[in-house]
Each structure stands twice: as structure tokens, then as C-alpha cells.
Amino acid sequence: MVTVAVTPDGYADAVREGVFVTPAERQMTMSQFLDIIDHKTPTNGVVYIQKQNSNFTDEFRELSDDVDLQMTWATKAFGNHSDSFIMPLLARGLVDILKNKAGVIQAANSS
């Protein structure tokens, strides 16, 4: 089972009508998620996999032998080991709010 986030309009972790909202989360098999992404199963809203606090080690353990969990390149770049490893699987239509170096908030659309 994987945790799948669902938003009605693709806005994830965003301010809506003056309130900060997060996506709903549903448990489903990876096969069910991929059927939604491949448009084999209809769904309301935008679905994606991206859970805070290391979804990779919690929900994708089967892949851990194929991945450098210490992220050697990141350790060199940041000077320390990561506490978590997040693997996002995004669907078209997802909009995430990003803050650039100048502190300006931007919307990034994955379509």
C-alpha cells in the first residue's frame, strides 16, 4: 500500500480562501495509483505520491537496494546526511507552491 495525496484542483499545501490546506490522503496499491495516472480508472481531483518524512523508506523499501539512501552527492553538497528520503510521483495538473531564493512565492505546474 502507498499513500496517495488527492487535491480537488491540483493545489497542494496551499492557502485557499485564507486557510492553509493540505491534500487528502488515501491508501491504495501502487497498481491502483498507476491505473489512475494512466487514465484507466477515473478519479475526481489530482492524485500524486509525495509524503513528508521519508515516504521512500516507509513505503518503497523494495527499491532501497537500487538507491543510494545516503545520497552521497547531497551529503557532499550540504555537509551532512539526510534525515529523510522523499520520492515524489507526480500527476499532471499538480500545482505546488515554491519559494525561490528571493522569498518570492511561485506556483509550479507539473503538466
PDB file of N, CA and C in Angstrom:
ATOM      1  N   MET A   1       0.838  -1.182   0.000  1.00  0.00           N
ATOM      2  CA  MET A   1       0.000   0.000   0.000  1.00  0.00           C
ATOM      3  C   MET A   1       0.884   1.247   0.000  1.00  0.00           C
ATOM      4  N   VAL A   2       0.421   2.259  -0.719  1.00  0.00           N
ATOM      5  CA  VAL A   2       1.100   3.549  -0.751  1.00  0.00           C
ATOM      6  C   VAL A   2       0.101   4.631  -0.358  1.00  0.00           C
ATOM      7  N   THR A   3       0.620   5.726   0.136  1.00  0.00           N
ATOM      8  CA  THR A   3      -0.214   6.864   0.494  1.00  0.00           C
ATOM      9  C   THR A   3      -0.283   7.795  -0.704  1.00  0.00           C
ATOM     10  N   VAL A   4      -1.489   8.049  -1.171  1.00  0.00           N
ATOM     11  CA  VAL A   4      -1.713   8.891  -2.338  1.00  0.00           C
ATOM     12  C   VAL A   4      -2.417  10.170  -1.884  1.00  0.00           C
ATOM     13  N   ALA A   5      -1.841  11.302  -2.245  1.00  0.00           N
ATOM     14  CA  ALA A   5      -2.453  12.590  -1.925  1.00  0.00           C
ATOM     15  C   ALA A   5      -3.444  12.954  -3.022  1.00  0.00           C
ATOM     16  N   VAL A   6      -4.539  13.612  -2.628  1.00  0.00           N
ATOM     17  CA  VAL A   6      -5.583  13.998  -3.572  1.00  0.00           C
ATOM     18  C   VAL A   6      -5.983  15.442  -3.298  1.00  0.00           C
ATOM     19  N   THR A   7      -6.007  16.249  -4.350  1.00  0.00           N
ATOM     20  CA  THR A   7      -6.494  17.617  -4.236  1.00  0.00           C
ATOM     21  C   THR A   7      -7.603  17.815  -5.273  1.00  0.00           C
ATOM     22  N   PRO A   8      -8.556  18.676  -4.990  1.00  0.00           N
ATOM     23  CA  PRO A   8      -9.644  18.872  -5.948  1.00  0.00           C
ATOM     24  C   PRO A   8      -9.199  19.577  -7.230  1.00  0.00           C
ATOM     25  N   ASP A   9      -8.169  20.419  -7.137  1.00  0.00           N
ATOM     26  CA  ASP A   9      -7.794  21.233  -8.291  1.00  0.00           C
ATOM     27  C   ASP A   9      -6.297  21.269  -8.575  1.00  0.00           C
ATOM     28  N   GLY A  10      -5.519  20.438  -7.901  1.00  0.00           N
ATOM     29  CA  GLY A  10      -4.088  20.387  -8.154  1.00  0.00           C
ATOM     30  C   GLY A  10      -3.246  21.252  -7.242  1.00  0.00           C
ATOM     31  N   TYR A  11      -3.870  22.080  -6.418  1.00  0.00           N
ATOM     32  CA  TYR A  11      -3.096  22.908  -5.490  1.00  0.00           C
ATOM     33  C   TYR A  11      -2.791  22.108  -4.236  1.00  0.00           C
ATOM     34  N   ALA A  12      -1.507  21.907  -3.964  1.00  0.00           N
ATOM     35  CA  ALA A  12      -1.059  21.120  -2.823  1.00  0.00           C
ATOM     36  C   ALA A  12      -0.382  22.034  -1.809  1.00  0.00           C
ATOM     37  N   ASP A  13      -0.674  21.821  -0.545  1.00  0.00           N
ATOM     38  CA  ASP A  13      -0.062  22.624   0.518  1.00  0.00           C
ATOM     39  C   ASP A  13      -0.136  24.105   0.160  1.00  0.00           C
ATOM     40  N   ALA A  14      -1.341  24.607   0.086  1.00  0.00           N
ATOM     41  CA  ALA A  14      -1.544  25.972  -0.391  1.00  0.00           C
ATOM     42  C   ALA A  14      -2.574  26.708   0.467  1.00  0.00           C
ATOM     43  N   VAL A  15      -2.568  28.004   0.356  1.00  0.00           N
ATOM     44  CA  VAL A  15      -3.565  28.831   1.036  1.00  0.00           C
ATOM     45  C   VAL A  15      -4.786  28.918   0.127  1.00  0.00           C
ATOM     46  N   ARG A  16      -5.921  28.519   0.655  1.00  0.00           N
ATOM     47  CA  ARG A  16      -7.191  28.560  -0.070  1.00  0.00           C
ATOM     48  C   ARG A  16      -8.207  29.299   0.780  1.00  0.00           C
ATOM     49  N   GLU A  17      -8.756  30.366   0.250  1.00  0.00           N
ATOM     50  CA  GLU A  17      -9.746  31.177   0.969  1.00  0.00           C
ATOM     51  C   GLU A  17      -9.245  31.571   2.364  1.00  0.00           C
ATOM     52  N   GLY A  18      -7.960  31.929   2.428  1.00  0.00           N
ATOM     53  CA  GLY A  18      -7.369  32.415   3.662  1.00  0.00           C
ATOM     54  C   GLY A  18      -6.948  31.341   4.647  1.00  0.00           C
ATOM     55  N   VAL A  19      -7.058  30.077   4.266  1.00  0.00           N
ATOM     56  CA  VAL A  19      -6.712  28.968   5.156  1.00  0.00           C
ATOM     57  C   VAL A  19      -5.679  28.083   4.469  1.00  0.00           C
ATOM     58  N   PHE A  20      -4.642  27.682   5.214  1.00  0.00           N
ATOM     59  CA  PHE A  20      -3.642  26.766   4.666  1.00  0.00           C
ATOM     60  C   PHE A  20      -4.226  25.358   4.662  1.00  0.00           C
ATOM     61  N   VAL A  21      -4.260  24.729   3.497  1.00  0.00           N
ATOM     62  CA  VAL A  21      -4.839  23.391   3.386  1.00  0.00           C
ATOM     63  C   VAL A  21      -3.798  22.408   2.860  1.00  0.00           C
ATOM     64  N   THR A  22      -3.964  21.168   3.269  1.00  0.00           N
ATOM     65  CA  THR A  22      -3.121  20.087   2.777  1.00  0.00           C
ATOM     66  C   THR A  22      -4.013  19.097   2.032  1.00  0.00           C
ATOM     67  N   PRO A  23      -3.430  18.263   1.190  1.00  0.00           N
ATOM     68  CA  PRO A  23      -4.245  17.327   0.422  1.00  0.00           C
ATOM     69  C   PRO A  23      -4.826  16.219   1.302  1.00  0.00           C
ATOM     70  N   ALA A  24      -5.932  15.649   0.849  1.00  0.00           N
ATOM     71  CA  ALA A  24      -6.461  14.440   1.480  1.00  0.00           C
ATOM     72  C   ALA A  24      -5.507  13.300   1.151  1.00  0.00           C
ATOM     73  N   GLU A  25      -5.446  12.292   2.000  1.00  0.00           N
ATOM     74  CA  GLU A  25      -4.579  11.144   1.745  1.00  0.00           C
ATOM     75  C   GLU A  25      -5.420   9.874   1.693  1.00  0.00           C
ATOM     76  N   ARG A  26      -5.148   9.038   0.690  1.00  0.00           N
ATOM     77  CA  ARG A  26      -5.834   7.750   0.533  1.00  0.00           C
ATOM     78  C   ARG A  26      -4.795   6.641   0.453  1.00  0.00           C
ATOM     79  N   GLN A  27      -5.120   5.493   0.980  1.00  0.00           N
ATOM     80  CA  GLN A  27      -4.268   4.314   0.871  1.00  0.00           C
ATOM     81  C   GLN A  27      -4.747   3.489  -0.318  1.00  0.00           C
ATOM     82  N   MET A  28      -3.816   3.096  -1.186  1.00  0.00           N
ATOM     83  CA  MET A  28      -4.159   2.227  -2.310  1.00  0.00           C
ATOM     84  C   MET A  28      -2.916   1.471  -2.740  1.00  0.00           C
ATOM     85  N   THR A  29      -3.125   0.481  -3.578  1.00  0.00           N
ATOM     86  CA  THR A  29      -1.969  -0.238  -4.109  1.00  0.00           C
ATOM     87  C   THR A  29      -1.294   0.620  -5.170  1.00  0.00           C
ATOM     88  N   MET A  30      -0.051   0.316  -5.446  1.00  0.00           N
ATOM     89  CA  MET A  30       0.669   1.042  -6.494  1.00  0.00           C
ATOM     90  C   MET A  30      -0.021   0.828  -7.837  1.00  0.00           C
ATOM     91  N   SER A  31      -0.526  -0.374  -8.061  1.00  0.00           N
ATOM     92  CA  SER A  31      -1.232  -0.671  -9.298  1.00  0.00           C
ATOM     93  C   SER A  31      -2.478   0.213  -9.454  1.00  0.00           C
ATOM     94  N   GLN A  32      -3.220   0.417  -8.378  1.00  0.00           N
ATOM     95  CA  GLN A  32      -4.391   1.290  -8.435  1.00  0.00           C
ATOM     96  C   GLN A  32      -3.984   2.727  -8.765  1.00  0.00           C
ATOM     97  N   PHE A  33      -2.898   3.201  -8.139  1.00  0.00           N
ATOM     98  CA  PHE A  33      -2.399   4.552  -8.404  1.00  0.00           C
ATOM     99  C   PHE A  33      -2.005   4.699  -9.876  1.00  0.00           C
ATOM    100  N   LEU A  34      -1.263   3.725 -10.388  1.00  0.00           N
ATOM    101  CA  LEU A  34      -0.810   3.800 -11.782  1.00  0.00           C
ATOM    102  C   LEU A  34      -1.987   3.733 -12.754  1.00  0.00           C
ATOM    103  N   ASP A  35      -3.040   2.996 -12.406  1.00  0.00           N
ATOM    104  CA  ASP A  35      -4.234   2.959 -13.259  1.00  0.00           C
ATOM    105  C   ASP A  35      -4.886   4.343 -13.332  1.00  0.00           C
ATOM    106  N   ILE A  36      -4.857   5.076 -12.242  1.00  0.00           N
ATOM    107  CA  ILE A  36      -5.397   6.440 -12.254  1.00  0.00           C
ATOM    108  C   ILE A  36      -4.523   7.331 -13.128  1.00  0.00           C
ATOM    109  N   ILE A  37      -3.211   7.247 -12.947  1.00  0.00           N
ATOM    110  CA  ILE A  37      -2.274   8.062 -13.722  1.00  0.00           C
ATOM    111  C   ILE A  37      -2.392   7.757 -15.220  1.00  0.00           C
ATOM    112  N   ASP A  38      -2.588   6.480 -15.553  1.00  0.00           N
ATOM    113  CA  ASP A  38      -2.702   6.068 -16.956  1.00  0.00           C
ATOM    114  C   ASP A  38      -4.108   6.274 -17.511  1.00  0.00           C
ATOM    115  N   HIS A  39      -4.979   6.901 -16.737  1.00  0.00           N
ATOM    116  CA  HIS A  39      -6.365   7.189 -17.142  1.00  0.00           C
ATOM    117  C   HIS A  39      -7.189   5.933 -17.390  1.00  0.00           C
ATOM    118  N   LYS A  40      -6.821   4.825 -16.757  1.00  0.00           N
ATOM    119  CA  LYS A  40      -7.604   3.590 -16.855  1.00  0.00           C
ATOM    120  C   LYS A  40      -8.734   3.587 -15.824  1.00  0.00           C
ATOM    121  N   THR A  41      -8.523   4.317 -14.734  1.00  0.00           N
ATOM    122  CA  THR A  41      -9.514   4.431 -13.675  1.00  0.00           C
ATOM    123  C   THR A  41      -9.829   5.908 -13.476  1.00  0.00           C
ATOM    124  N   PRO A  42     -11.086   6.290 -13.635  1.00  0.00           N
ATOM    125  CA  PRO A  42     -11.421   7.704 -13.446  1.00  0.00           C
ATOM    126  C   PRO A  42     -11.339   8.104 -11.968  1.00  0.00           C
ATOM    127  N   THR A  43     -11.023   9.355 -11.731  1.00  0.00           N
ATOM    128  CA  THR A  43     -10.986   9.873 -10.362  1.00  0.00           C
ATOM    129  C   THR A  43     -11.332  11.348 -10.387  1.00  0.00           C
ATOM    130  N   ASN A  44     -11.866  11.815  -9.293  1.00  0.00           N
ATOM    131  CA  ASN A  44     -12.110  13.245  -9.136  1.00  0.00           C
ATOM    132  C   ASN A  44     -10.890  13.853  -8.475  1.00  0.00           C
ATOM    133  N   GLY A  45     -10.373  14.911  -9.042  1.00  0.00           N
ATOM    134  CA  GLY A  45      -9.234  15.592  -8.451  1.00  0.00           C
ATOM    135  C   GLY A  45      -7.920  15.165  -9.065  1.00  0.00           C
ATOM    136  N   VAL A  46      -6.850  15.678  -8.498  1.00  0.00           N
ATOM    137  CA  VAL A  46      -5.486  15.409  -8.933  1.00  0.00           C
ATOM    138  C   VAL A  46      -4.830  14.530  -7.885  1.00  0.00           C
ATOM    139  N   VAL A  47      -4.234  13.420  -8.316  1.00  0.00           N
ATOM    140  CA  VAL A  47      -3.596  12.485  -7.388  1.00  0.00           C
ATOM    141  C   VAL A  47      -2.087  12.489  -7.593  1.00  0.00           C
ATOM    142  N   TYR A  48      -1.360  12.253  -6.516  1.00  0.00           N
ATOM    143  CA  TYR A  48       0.100  12.164  -6.598  1.00  0.00           C
ATOM    144  C   TYR A  48       0.624  11.507  -5.341  1.00  0.00           C
ATOM    145  N   ILE A  49       1.848  11.016  -5.412  1.00  0.00           N
ATOM    146  CA  ILE A  49       2.510  10.432  -4.241  1.00  0.00           C
ATOM    147  C   ILE A  49       3.631  11.372  -3.843  1.00  0.00           C
ATOM    148  N   GLN A  50       3.566  11.858  -2.653  1.00  0.00           N
ATOM    149  CA  GLN A  50       4.626  12.702  -2.091  1.00  0.00           C
ATOM    150  C   GLN A  50       4.254  12.944  -0.644  1.00  0.00           C
ATOM    151  N   LYS A  51       4.866  12.197   0.231  1.00  0.00           N
ATOM    152  CA  LYS A  51       4.551  12.296   1.650  1.00  0.00           C
ATOM    153  C   LYS A  51       5.803  12.741   2.395  1.00  0.00           C
ATOM    154  N   GLN A  52       5.638  13.636   3.316  1.00  0.00           N
ATOM    155  CA  GLN A  52       6.773  14.120   4.090  1.00  0.00           C
ATOM    156  C   GLN A  52       7.344  13.004   4.969  1.00  0.00           C
ATOM    157  N   ASN A  53       8.514  13.220   5.492  1.00  0.00           N
ATOM    158  CA  ASN A  53       9.152  12.326   6.460  1.00  0.00           C
ATOM    159  C   ASN A  53       9.485  10.957   5.888  1.00  0.00           C
ATOM    160  N   SER A  54      10.104  10.956   4.738  1.00  0.00           N
ATOM    161  CA  SER A  54      10.716   9.755   4.172  1.00  0.00           C
ATOM    162  C   SER A  54       9.728   8.698   3.710  1.00  0.00           C
ATOM    163  N   ASN A  55       8.880   9.042   2.773  1.00  0.00           N
ATOM    164  CA  ASN A  55       7.970   8.041   2.231  1.00  0.00           C
ATOM    165  C   ASN A  55       8.727   6.915   1.525  1.00  0.00           C
ATOM    166  N   PHE A  56       9.920   7.198   1.035  1.00  0.00           N
ATOM    167  CA  PHE A  56      10.677   6.170   0.327  1.00  0.00           C
ATOM    168  C   PHE A  56      11.013   5.012   1.254  1.00  0.00           C
ATOM    169  N   THR A  57      11.559   5.291   2.413  1.00  0.00           N
ATOM    170  CA  THR A  57      11.944   4.217   3.332  1.00  0.00           C
ATOM    171  C   THR A  57      10.731   3.579   4.000  1.00  0.00           C
ATOM    172  N   ASP A  58       9.623   4.295   4.091  1.00  0.00           N
ATOM    173  CA  ASP A  58       8.409   3.731   4.686  1.00  0.00           C
ATOM    174  C   ASP A  58       7.592   2.913   3.698  1.00  0.00           C
ATOM    175  N   GLU A  59       7.464   3.388   2.465  1.00  0.00           N
ATOM    176  CA  GLU A  59       6.522   2.781   1.529  1.00  0.00           C
ATOM    177  C   GLU A  59       7.156   2.177   0.278  1.00  0.00           C
ATOM    178  N   PHE A  60       8.445   2.389   0.068  1.00  0.00           N
ATOM    179  CA  PHE A  60       9.106   1.865  -1.134  1.00  0.00           C
ATOM    180  C   PHE A  60      10.374   1.089  -0.776  1.00  0.00           C
ATOM    181  N   ARG A  61      10.323   0.349   0.336  1.00  0.00           N
ATOM    182  CA  ARG A  61      11.500  -0.402   0.802  1.00  0.00           C
ATOM    183  C   ARG A  61      12.054  -1.357  -0.250  1.00  0.00           C
ATOM    184  N   GLU A  62      11.162  -1.912  -1.076  1.00  0.00           N
ATOM    185  CA  GLU A  62      11.588  -2.878  -2.090  1.00  0.00           C
ATOM    186  C   GLU A  62      12.613  -2.286  -3.051  1.00  0.00           C
ATOM    187  N   LEU A  63      12.626  -0.983  -3.186  1.00  0.00           N
ATOM    188  CA  LEU A  63      13.546  -0.319  -4.109  1.00  0.00           C
ATOM    189  C   LEU A  63      14.853   0.110  -3.454  1.00  0.00           C
ATOM    190  N   SER A  64      14.960  -0.047  -2.147  1.00  0.00           N
ATOM    191  CA  SER A  64      16.098   0.528  -1.412  1.00  0.00           C
ATOM    192  C   SER A  64      17.451  -0.036  -1.844  1.00  0.00           C
ATOM    193  N   ASP A  65      17.497  -1.290  -2.314  1.00  0.00           N
ATOM    194  CA  ASP A  65      18.781  -1.840  -2.779  1.00  0.00           C
ATOM    195  C   ASP A  65      19.270  -1.160  -4.048  1.00  0.00           C
ATOM    196  N   ASP A  66      18.370  -0.504  -4.758  1.00  0.00           N
ATOM    197  CA  ASP A  66      18.718   0.145  -6.023  1.00  0.00           C
ATOM    198  C   ASP A  66      19.060   1.628  -5.874  1.00  0.00           C
ATOM    199  N   VAL A  67      19.006   2.141  -4.653  1.00  0.00           N
ATOM    200  CA  VAL A  67      19.165   3.582  -4.437  1.00  0.00           C
ATOM    201  C   VAL A  67      20.194   3.839  -3.340  1.00  0.00           C
ATOM    202  N   ASP A  68      20.995   4.861  -3.526  1.00  0.00           N
ATOM    203  CA  ASP A  68      21.944   5.310  -2.510  1.00  0.00           C
ATOM    204  C   ASP A  68      21.182   6.147  -1.486  1.00  0.00           C
ATOM    205  N   LEU A  69      20.701   5.498  -0.407  1.00  0.00           N
ATOM    206  CA  LEU A  69      19.883   6.203   0.582  1.00  0.00           C
ATOM    207  C   LEU A  69      20.660   7.277   1.335  1.00  0.00           C
ATOM    208  N   GLN A  70      21.983   7.173   1.338  1.00  0.00           N
ATOM    209  CA  GLN A  70      22.776   8.222   1.979  1.00  0.00           C
ATOM    210  C   GLN A  70      22.944   9.421   1.056  1.00  0.00           C
ATOM    211  N   MET A  71      22.547   9.266  -0.196  1.00  0.00           N
ATOM    212  CA  MET A  71      22.645  10.334  -1.189  1.00  0.00           C
ATOM    213  C   MET A  71      23.998  11.030  -1.097  1.00  0.00           C
ATOM    214  N   THR A  72      25.022  10.299  -1.445  1.00  0.00           N
ATOM    215  CA  THR A  72      26.393  10.780  -1.325  1.00  0.00           C
ATOM    216  C   THR A  72      26.564  12.164  -1.937  1.00  0.00           C
ATOM    217  N   TRP A  73      25.960  12.382  -3.083  1.00  0.00           N
ATOM    218  CA  TRP A  73      26.087  13.689  -3.747  1.00  0.00           C
ATOM    219  C   TRP A  73      25.478  14.798  -2.888  1.00  0.00           C
ATOM    220  N   ALA A  74      24.367  14.513  -2.214  1.00  0.00           N
ATOM    221  CA  ALA A  74      23.723  15.528  -1.370  1.00  0.00           C
ATOM    222  C   ALA A  74      24.520  15.754  -0.090  1.00  0.00           C
ATOM    223  N   THR A  75      25.070  14.677   0.461  1.00  0.00           N
ATOM    224  CA  THR A  75      25.897  14.813   1.661  1.00  0.00           C
ATOM    225  C   THR A  75      27.092  15.708   1.387  1.00  0.00           C
ATOM    226  N   LYS A  76      27.695  15.525   0.224  1.00  0.00           N
ATOM    227  CA  LYS A  76      28.827  16.380  -0.151  1.00  0.00           C
ATOM    228  C   LYS A  76      28.378  17.827  -0.333  1.00  0.00           C
ATOM    229  N   ALA A  77      27.232  18.011  -0.950  1.00  0.00           N
ATOM    230  CA  ALA A  77      26.747  19.367  -1.223  1.00  0.00           C
ATOM    231  C   ALA A  77      26.324  20.103   0.042  1.00  0.00           C
ATOM    232  N   PHE A  78      25.648  19.392   0.961  1.00  0.00           N
ATOM    233  CA  PHE A  78      25.095  20.052   2.146  1.00  0.00           C
ATOM    234  C   PHE A  78      25.932  19.864   3.410  1.00  0.00           C
ATOM    235  N   GLY A  79      26.888  18.948   3.364  1.00  0.00           N
ATOM    236  CA  GLY A  79      27.770  18.762   4.505  1.00  0.00           C
ATOM    237  C   GLY A  79      27.222  17.864   5.600  1.00  0.00           C
ATOM    238  N   ASN A  80      26.085  17.196   5.378  1.00  0.00           N
ATOM    239  CA  ASN A  80      25.559  16.245   6.367  1.00  0.00           C
ATOM    240  C   ASN A  80      24.606  15.265   5.689  1.00  0.00           C
ATOM    241  N   HIS A  81      24.272  14.186   6.414  1.00  0.00           N
ATOM    242  CA  HIS A  81      23.365  13.170   5.885  1.00  0.00           C
ATOM    243  C   HIS A  81      21.918  13.633   6.011  1.00  0.00           C
ATOM    244  N   SER A  82      21.102  13.167   5.103  1.00  0.00           N
ATOM    245  CA  SER A  82      19.680  13.494   5.118  1.00  0.00           C
ATOM    246  C   SER A  82      18.954  12.657   6.162  1.00  0.00           C
ATOM    247  N   ASP A  83      17.944  13.261   6.802  1.00  0.00           N
ATOM    248  CA  ASP A  83      17.109  12.538   7.759  1.00  0.00           C
ATOM    249  C   ASP A  83      15.988  11.784   7.064  1.00  0.00           C
ATOM    250  N   SER A  84      15.663  12.178   5.850  1.00  0.00           N
ATOM    251  CA  SER A  84      14.559  11.531   5.152  1.00  0.00           C
ATOM    252  C   SER A  84      14.836  11.483   3.666  1.00  0.00           C
ATOM    253  N   PHE A  85      14.085  10.646   3.004  1.00  0.00           N
ATOM    254  CA  PHE A  85      14.223  10.444   1.564  1.00  0.00           C
ATOM    255  C   PHE A  85      12.818  10.410   0.995  1.00  0.00           C
ATOM    256  N   ILE A  86      12.456  11.414   0.233  1.00  0.00           N
ATOM    257  CA  ILE A  86      11.108  11.533  -0.307  1.00  0.00           C
ATOM    258  C   ILE A  86      11.140  11.272  -1.800  1.00  0.00           C
ATOM    259  N   MET A  87      10.269  10.381  -2.259  1.00  0.00           N
ATOM    260  CA  MET A  87      10.184  10.078  -3.676  1.00  0.00           C
ATOM    261  C   MET A  87       8.831  10.538  -4.205  1.00  0.00           C
ATOM    262  N   PRO A  88       8.795  11.666  -4.904  1.00  0.00           N
ATOM    263  CA  PRO A  88       7.515  12.115  -5.447  1.00  0.00           C
ATOM    264  C   PRO A  88       7.181  11.445  -6.769  1.00  0.00           C
ATOM    265  N   LEU A  89       5.941  11.073  -6.929  1.00  0.00           N
ATOM    266  CA  LEU A  89       5.406  10.609  -8.212  1.00  0.00           C
ATOM    267  C   LEU A  89       4.254  11.537  -8.524  1.00  0.00           C
ATOM    268  N   LEU A  90       4.442  12.392  -9.497  1.00  0.00           N
ATOM    269  CA  LEU A  90       3.505  13.472  -9.742  1.00  0.00           C
ATOM    270  C   LEU A  90       2.595  13.196 -10.920  1.00  0.00           C
ATOM    271  N   ALA A  91       1.414  13.721 -10.807  1.00  0.00           N
ATOM    272  CA  ALA A  91       0.446  13.624 -11.893  1.00  0.00           C
ATOM    273  C   ALA A  91       0.357  14.970 -12.591  1.00  0.00           C
ATOM    274  N   ARG A  92      -0.113  14.954 -13.815  1.00  0.00           N
ATOM    275  CA  ARG A  92      -0.340  16.223 -14.498  1.00  0.00           C
ATOM    276  C   ARG A  92      -1.385  17.023 -13.746  1.00  0.00           C
ATOM    277  N   GLY A  93      -1.197  18.313 -13.753  1.00  0.00           N
ATOM    278  CA  GLY A  93      -2.167  19.186 -13.114  1.00  0.00           C
ATOM    279  C   GLY A  93      -1.814  19.556 -11.692  1.00  0.00           C
ATOM    280  N   LEU A  94      -0.790  18.937 -11.131  1.00  0.00           N
ATOM    281  CA  LEU A  94      -0.401  19.271  -9.768  1.00  0.00           C
ATOM    282  C   LEU A  94       0.271  20.633  -9.752  1.00  0.00           C
ATOM    283  N   VAL A  95      -0.138  21.479  -8.856  1.00  0.00           N
ATOM    284  CA  VAL A  95       0.469  22.795  -8.697  1.00  0.00           C
ATOM    285  C   VAL A  95       1.046  22.842  -7.296  1.00  0.00           C
ATOM    286  N   ASP A  96       2.311  23.133  -7.182  1.00  0.00           N
ATOM    287  CA  ASP A  96       2.950  23.217  -5.883  1.00  0.00           C
ATOM    288  C   ASP A  96       3.454  24.640  -5.699  1.00  0.00           C
ATOM    289  N   ILE A  97       3.424  25.086  -4.485  1.00  0.00           N
ATOM    290  CA  ILE A  97       3.875  26.437  -4.175  1.00  0.00           C
ATOM    291  C   ILE A  97       5.357  26.369  -3.807  1.00  0.00           C
ATOM    292  N   LEU A  98       6.160  27.102  -4.525  1.00  0.00           N
ATOM    293  CA  LEU A  98       7.595  27.123  -4.300  1.00  0.00           C
ATOM    294  C   LEU A  98       8.031  28.506  -3.850  1.00  0.00           C
ATOM    295  N   LYS A  99       9.058  28.540  -3.027  1.00  0.00           N
ATOM    296  CA  LYS A  99       9.624  29.820  -2.623  1.00  0.00           C
ATOM    297  C   LYS A  99      11.033  29.884  -3.183  1.00  0.00           C
ATOM    298  N   ASN A 100      11.311  30.904  -3.980  1.00  0.00           N
ATOM    299  CA  ASN A 100      12.646  30.993  -4.559  1.00  0.00           C
ATOM    300  C   ASN A 100      13.598  31.686  -3.581  1.00  0.00           C
ATOM    301  N   LYS A 101      14.850  31.830  -3.969  1.00  0.00           N
ATOM    302  CA  LYS A 101      15.868  32.388  -3.077  1.00  0.00           C
ATOM    303  C   LYS A 101      15.536  33.794  -2.600  1.00  0.00           C
ATOM    304  N   ALA A 102      14.804  34.537  -3.405  1.00  0.00           N
ATOM    305  CA  ALA A 102      14.445  35.902  -3.019  1.00  0.00           C
ATOM    306  C   ALA A 102      13.218  35.931  -2.109  1.00  0.00           C
ATOM    307  N   GLY A 103      12.654  34.752  -1.808  1.00  0.00           N
ATOM    308  CA  GLY A 103      11.491  34.699  -0.939  1.00  0.00           C
ATOM    309  C   GLY A 103      10.181  34.911  -1.674  1.00  0.00           C
ATOM    310  N   VAL A 104      10.244  34.981  -2.988  1.00  0.00           N
ATOM    311  CA  VAL A 104       9.025  35.191  -3.778  1.00  0.00           C
ATOM    312  C   VAL A 104       8.331  33.846  -3.962  1.00  0.00           C
ATOM    313  N   ILE A 105       7.056  33.806  -3.676  1.00  0.00           N
ATOM    314  CA  ILE A 105       6.295  32.572  -3.819  1.00  0.00           C
ATOM    315  C   ILE A 105       5.841  32.432  -5.259  1.00  0.00           C
ATOM    316  N   GLN A 106       6.065  31.245  -5.822  1.00  0.00           N
ATOM    317  CA  GLN A 106       5.698  30.969  -7.203  1.00  0.00           C
ATOM    318  C   GLN A 106       4.859  29.696  -7.232  1.00  0.00           C
ATOM    319  N   ALA A 107       4.032  29.553  -8.233  1.00  0.00           N
ATOM    320  CA  ALA A 107       3.309  28.314  -8.452  1.00  0.00           C
ATOM    321  C   ALA A 107       3.995  27.569  -9.577  1.00  0.00           C
ATOM    322  N   ALA A 108       4.252  26.287  -9.366  1.00  0.00           N
ATOM    323  CA  ALA A 108       4.885  25.452 -10.390  1.00  0.00           C
ATOM    324  C   ALA A 108       3.905  24.365 -10.776  1.00  0.00           C
ATOM    325  N   ASN A 109       3.608  24.253 -12.049  1.00  0.00           N
ATOM    326  CA  ASN A 109       2.650  23.268 -12.528  1.00  0.00           C
ATOM    327  C   ASN A 109       3.411  22.132 -13.181  1.00  0.00           C
ATOM    328  N   SER A 110       3.054  20.887 -12.834  1.00  0.00           N
ATOM    329  CA  SER A 110       3.774  19.721 -13.343  1.00  0.00           C
ATOM    330  C   SER A 110       3.304  19.253 -14.703  1.00  0.00           C
ATOM    331  N   SER A 111       2.358  19.948 -15.325  1.00  0.00           N
ATOM    332  CA  SER A 111       1.853  19.464 -16.620  1.00  0.00           C
ATOM    333  C   SER A 111       2.793  19.767 -17.752  1.00  0.00           C
TER     334      SER A 111
END
